[in-house]
Every structure is written in structure tokens, then in C-alpha cells.
Amino acid sequence: MIKNNANKSSNISVNDLILFCIHSVILNSEQCSFDRLVKECFTLFPGTLRFMRYPIWPETYFILTKTGAEKAAAVSKSLRQGKLL
């Protein structure tokens, strides 16, 4: 496990920190379930990945990137057309 370094983690995007946490879980030969990912994020980067209103809990604020928004729109279109039903 790496030691938390608030100065270094504050210069890295939240998305990249989450990707690193996924990588960390997988390196430990574990399945990266949502609850396991939340635990890893809060353990490694408690000052960066936390709830704004509840600082003792991990963060839940995410921003869609342009690519993420495009993927979400494609899924929405598929759902409206009944392709995934």
C-alpha cells in the first residue's frame, strides 16, 4: 500500500485517482466491486476522494467527460429503441 500524499494526489484528476485505485485492487488479486473500490479510494486518498457534506465518507461527485457523455447518449438512444430490453 502506498502512503497518502495529499500534495501529490491534489495535482491528479479524480478520474485518474479512481483508475489507480482500480489498478491497486486488481494488483492485490481481488475483484474490483463497487464497495471494494470505494474502500480503496477512501483508504489511499481520503483527503481527495470524500463526500463534501460528510468528510469521513468517500466522495461521490463525478463529472462526465466528453467521451463519457457521448457513451451515455449512445446507451440512452439504445434504451429508447428497445435494443437493451
N, C-alpha and C. Protein backbone atom coordinates (compact mmCIF):
# COMPACT_ATOMS: atom_id res chain seq x y z
N MET A 1 0.84 -1.18 0.00
CA MET A 1 0.00 0.00 0.00
C MET A 1 0.88 1.24 0.00
N ILE A 2 0.45 2.26 -0.75
CA ILE A 2 1.22 3.50 -0.77
C ILE A 2 0.74 4.43 0.32
N LYS A 3 1.64 5.26 0.79
CA LYS A 3 1.28 6.24 1.80
C LYS A 3 0.58 7.41 1.12
N ASN A 4 -0.42 7.97 1.80
CA ASN A 4 -1.15 9.10 1.24
C ASN A 4 -0.26 10.33 1.19
N ASN A 5 -0.26 11.00 0.06
CA ASN A 5 0.46 12.24 -0.09
C ASN A 5 -0.51 13.25 -0.68
N ALA A 6 -1.11 14.07 0.17
CA ALA A 6 -2.16 14.99 -0.25
C ALA A 6 -1.68 15.95 -1.32
N ASN A 7 -0.44 16.42 -1.23
CA ASN A 7 0.06 17.36 -2.23
C ASN A 7 0.14 16.73 -3.61
N LYS A 8 0.63 15.52 -3.69
CA LYS A 8 0.73 14.84 -4.98
C LYS A 8 -0.64 14.48 -5.53
N SER A 9 -1.52 13.93 -4.70
CA SER A 9 -2.83 13.49 -5.19
C SER A 9 -3.71 14.66 -5.59
N SER A 10 -3.49 15.86 -5.04
CA SER A 10 -4.31 17.00 -5.41
C SER A 10 -4.00 17.49 -6.82
N ASN A 11 -2.86 17.11 -7.37
CA ASN A 11 -2.48 17.50 -8.73
C ASN A 11 -2.93 16.48 -9.77
N ILE A 12 -3.57 15.41 -9.35
CA ILE A 12 -4.01 14.34 -10.25
C ILE A 12 -5.53 14.37 -10.30
N SER A 13 -6.09 14.19 -11.49
CA SER A 13 -7.55 14.23 -11.62
C SER A 13 -8.21 13.11 -10.81
N VAL A 14 -9.45 13.36 -10.40
CA VAL A 14 -10.21 12.37 -9.65
C VAL A 14 -10.34 11.09 -10.47
N ASN A 15 -10.60 11.23 -11.77
CA ASN A 15 -10.73 10.04 -12.63
C ASN A 15 -9.46 9.21 -12.62
N ASP A 16 -8.30 9.87 -12.69
CA ASP A 16 -7.03 9.14 -12.68
C ASP A 16 -6.78 8.47 -11.33
N LEU A 17 -7.17 9.13 -10.24
CA LEU A 17 -7.02 8.51 -8.92
C LEU A 17 -7.90 7.26 -8.81
N ILE A 18 -9.11 7.34 -9.34
CA ILE A 18 -10.01 6.19 -9.31
C ILE A 18 -9.44 5.05 -10.14
N LEU A 19 -8.90 5.38 -11.32
CA LEU A 19 -8.26 4.35 -12.15
C LEU A 19 -7.10 3.71 -11.41
N PHE A 20 -6.31 4.52 -10.71
CA PHE A 20 -5.20 3.97 -9.94
C PHE A 20 -5.72 3.03 -8.85
N CYS A 21 -6.82 3.41 -8.20
CA CYS A 21 -7.39 2.56 -7.15
C CYS A 21 -7.89 1.24 -7.72
N ILE A 22 -8.50 1.27 -8.91
CA ILE A 22 -8.91 0.04 -9.57
C ILE A 22 -7.70 -0.84 -9.81
N HIS A 23 -6.64 -0.24 -10.32
CA HIS A 23 -5.39 -0.96 -10.57
C HIS A 23 -4.84 -1.56 -9.27
N SER A 24 -4.90 -0.79 -8.20
CA SER A 24 -4.39 -1.25 -6.91
C SER A 24 -5.16 -2.47 -6.40
N VAL A 25 -6.49 -2.44 -6.54
CA VAL A 25 -7.31 -3.57 -6.10
C VAL A 25 -6.96 -4.81 -6.92
N ILE A 26 -6.86 -4.65 -8.23
CA ILE A 26 -6.55 -5.78 -9.11
C ILE A 26 -5.17 -6.34 -8.83
N LEU A 27 -4.20 -5.47 -8.52
CA LEU A 27 -2.86 -5.95 -8.18
C LEU A 27 -2.85 -6.82 -6.93
N ASN A 28 -3.84 -6.61 -6.06
CA ASN A 28 -3.97 -7.43 -4.85
C ASN A 28 -4.75 -8.72 -5.12
N SER A 29 -4.94 -9.03 -6.41
CA SER A 29 -5.66 -10.25 -6.83
C SER A 29 -7.08 -10.30 -6.28
N GLU A 30 -7.74 -9.13 -6.24
CA GLU A 30 -9.11 -9.05 -5.78
C GLU A 30 -10.01 -8.60 -6.92
N GLN A 31 -11.30 -8.95 -6.83
CA GLN A 31 -12.27 -8.41 -7.77
C GLN A 31 -12.55 -6.97 -7.37
N CYS A 32 -12.68 -6.11 -8.36
CA CYS A 32 -12.90 -4.70 -8.06
C CYS A 32 -14.39 -4.39 -8.09
N SER A 33 -15.09 -4.78 -7.04
CA SER A 33 -16.51 -4.45 -6.90
C SER A 33 -16.62 -2.98 -6.50
N PHE A 34 -17.82 -2.42 -6.61
CA PHE A 34 -18.01 -1.01 -6.27
C PHE A 34 -17.61 -0.73 -4.83
N ASP A 35 -18.09 -1.56 -3.89
CA ASP A 35 -17.78 -1.31 -2.49
C ASP A 35 -16.29 -1.45 -2.20
N ARG A 36 -15.63 -2.38 -2.88
CA ARG A 36 -14.18 -2.54 -2.69
C ARG A 36 -13.43 -1.33 -3.26
N LEU A 37 -13.91 -0.81 -4.39
CA LEU A 37 -13.31 0.38 -4.99
C LEU A 37 -13.47 1.60 -4.09
N VAL A 38 -14.65 1.77 -3.52
CA VAL A 38 -14.89 2.89 -2.61
C VAL A 38 -13.94 2.81 -1.43
N LYS A 39 -13.78 1.63 -0.87
CA LYS A 39 -12.87 1.44 0.26
C LYS A 39 -11.44 1.80 -0.12
N GLU A 40 -11.00 1.35 -1.30
CA GLU A 40 -9.63 1.62 -1.75
C GLU A 40 -9.41 3.11 -1.97
N CYS A 41 -10.38 3.76 -2.61
CA CYS A 41 -10.27 5.21 -2.85
C CYS A 41 -10.15 5.98 -1.54
N PHE A 42 -11.01 5.65 -0.59
CA PHE A 42 -11.00 6.37 0.67
C PHE A 42 -9.76 6.05 1.49
N THR A 43 -9.27 4.82 1.40
CA THR A 43 -8.07 4.44 2.13
C THR A 43 -6.83 5.13 1.58
N LEU A 44 -6.69 5.14 0.25
CA LEU A 44 -5.49 5.70 -0.36
C LEU A 44 -5.52 7.23 -0.45
N PHE A 45 -6.69 7.80 -0.69
CA PHE A 45 -6.78 9.25 -0.91
C PHE A 45 -7.95 9.85 -0.13
N PRO A 46 -7.94 9.75 1.20
CA PRO A 46 -9.09 10.22 1.99
C PRO A 46 -9.33 11.72 1.89
N GLY A 47 -8.30 12.50 1.64
CA GLY A 47 -8.48 13.94 1.54
C GLY A 47 -9.00 14.39 0.20
N THR A 48 -8.83 13.57 -0.82
CA THR A 48 -9.24 13.93 -2.17
C THR A 48 -10.55 13.27 -2.57
N LEU A 49 -10.72 12.00 -2.25
CA LEU A 49 -11.90 11.24 -2.63
C LEU A 49 -12.79 11.05 -1.42
N ARG A 50 -13.65 12.05 -1.16
CA ARG A 50 -14.52 12.00 0.01
C ARG A 50 -15.81 12.75 -0.28
N PHE A 51 -16.85 12.52 0.53
CA PHE A 51 -18.10 13.27 0.41
C PHE A 51 -17.85 14.69 0.88
N MET A 52 -18.40 15.66 0.17
CA MET A 52 -18.25 17.05 0.59
C MET A 52 -18.98 17.32 1.91
N ARG A 53 -20.20 16.79 2.02
CA ARG A 53 -21.00 17.05 3.22
C ARG A 53 -20.62 16.15 4.39
N TYR A 54 -20.00 15.01 4.10
CA TYR A 54 -19.63 14.05 5.13
C TYR A 54 -18.16 13.69 4.94
N PRO A 55 -17.25 14.48 5.47
CA PRO A 55 -15.83 14.29 5.19
C PRO A 55 -15.25 12.94 5.62
N ILE A 56 -15.96 12.19 6.46
CA ILE A 56 -15.44 10.88 6.85
C ILE A 56 -15.81 9.80 5.84
N TRP A 57 -16.63 10.15 4.83
CA TRP A 57 -17.03 9.21 3.79
C TRP A 57 -16.37 9.58 2.47
N PRO A 58 -16.19 8.60 1.58
CA PRO A 58 -15.59 8.90 0.27
C PRO A 58 -16.47 9.81 -0.59
N GLU A 59 -15.85 10.46 -1.56
CA GLU A 59 -16.51 11.40 -2.48
C GLU A 59 -17.47 10.68 -3.43
N THR A 60 -18.54 11.35 -3.81
CA THR A 60 -19.47 10.79 -4.78
C THR A 60 -19.68 11.71 -5.96
N TYR A 61 -18.95 12.79 -6.06
CA TYR A 61 -19.13 13.76 -7.13
C TYR A 61 -18.27 13.38 -8.32
N PHE A 62 -18.92 13.13 -9.45
CA PHE A 62 -18.20 12.78 -10.66
C PHE A 62 -18.66 13.70 -11.79
N ILE A 63 -17.78 13.97 -12.72
CA ILE A 63 -18.10 14.79 -13.88
C ILE A 63 -17.93 13.92 -15.12
N LEU A 64 -18.91 13.96 -16.01
CA LEU A 64 -18.78 13.22 -17.26
C LEU A 64 -17.83 13.95 -18.19
N THR A 65 -16.91 13.22 -18.76
CA THR A 65 -16.05 13.77 -19.80
C THR A 65 -16.86 13.82 -21.10
N LYS A 66 -16.31 14.43 -22.13
CA LYS A 66 -16.99 14.47 -23.42
C LYS A 66 -17.25 13.06 -23.93
N THR A 67 -16.24 12.19 -23.81
CA THR A 67 -16.39 10.80 -24.24
C THR A 67 -17.44 10.08 -23.40
N GLY A 68 -17.43 10.32 -22.10
CA GLY A 68 -18.43 9.70 -21.22
C GLY A 68 -19.84 10.15 -21.56
N ALA A 69 -20.00 11.44 -21.87
CA ALA A 69 -21.31 11.96 -22.25
C ALA A 69 -21.78 11.33 -23.56
N GLU A 70 -20.85 11.15 -24.50
CA GLU A 70 -21.20 10.50 -25.78
C GLU A 70 -21.63 9.06 -25.56
N LYS A 71 -20.92 8.34 -24.69
CA LYS A 71 -21.28 6.95 -24.39
C LYS A 71 -22.65 6.89 -23.71
N ALA A 72 -22.89 7.80 -22.78
CA ALA A 72 -24.18 7.84 -22.08
C ALA A 72 -25.31 8.12 -23.06
N ALA A 73 -25.08 9.03 -24.01
CA ALA A 73 -26.09 9.35 -25.02
C ALA A 73 -26.37 8.13 -25.90
N ALA A 74 -25.32 7.38 -26.26
CA ALA A 74 -25.49 6.18 -27.08
C ALA A 74 -26.30 5.12 -26.33
N VAL A 75 -26.02 4.94 -25.05
CA VAL A 75 -26.77 3.97 -24.23
C VAL A 75 -28.22 4.41 -24.13
N SER A 76 -28.43 5.71 -23.90
CA SER A 76 -29.79 6.24 -23.81
C SER A 76 -30.56 5.99 -25.10
N LYS A 77 -29.91 6.23 -26.23
CA LYS A 77 -30.55 6.00 -27.53
C LYS A 77 -30.91 4.52 -27.70
N SER A 78 -29.99 3.63 -27.31
CA SER A 78 -30.26 2.20 -27.41
C SER A 78 -31.42 1.78 -26.53
N LEU A 79 -31.48 2.35 -25.33
CA LEU A 79 -32.58 2.02 -24.42
C LEU A 79 -33.92 2.50 -24.99
N ARG A 80 -33.92 3.70 -25.56
CA ARG A 80 -35.15 4.23 -26.14
C ARG A 80 -35.62 3.41 -27.33
N GLN A 81 -34.69 2.81 -28.05
CA GLN A 81 -35.04 2.00 -29.21
C GLN A 81 -35.36 0.56 -28.83
N GLY A 82 -35.23 0.25 -27.55
CA GLY A 82 -35.56 -1.10 -27.08
C GLY A 82 -34.49 -2.13 -27.35
N LYS A 83 -33.29 -1.71 -27.73
CA LYS A 83 -32.23 -2.66 -28.05
C LYS A 83 -31.73 -3.42 -26.83
N LEU A 84 -31.81 -2.82 -25.66
CA LEU A 84 -31.27 -3.48 -24.47
C LEU A 84 -32.36 -4.10 -23.60
N LEU A 85 -33.59 -4.07 -24.07
CA LEU A 85 -34.68 -4.60 -23.25
C LEU A 85 -34.86 -6.07 -23.45
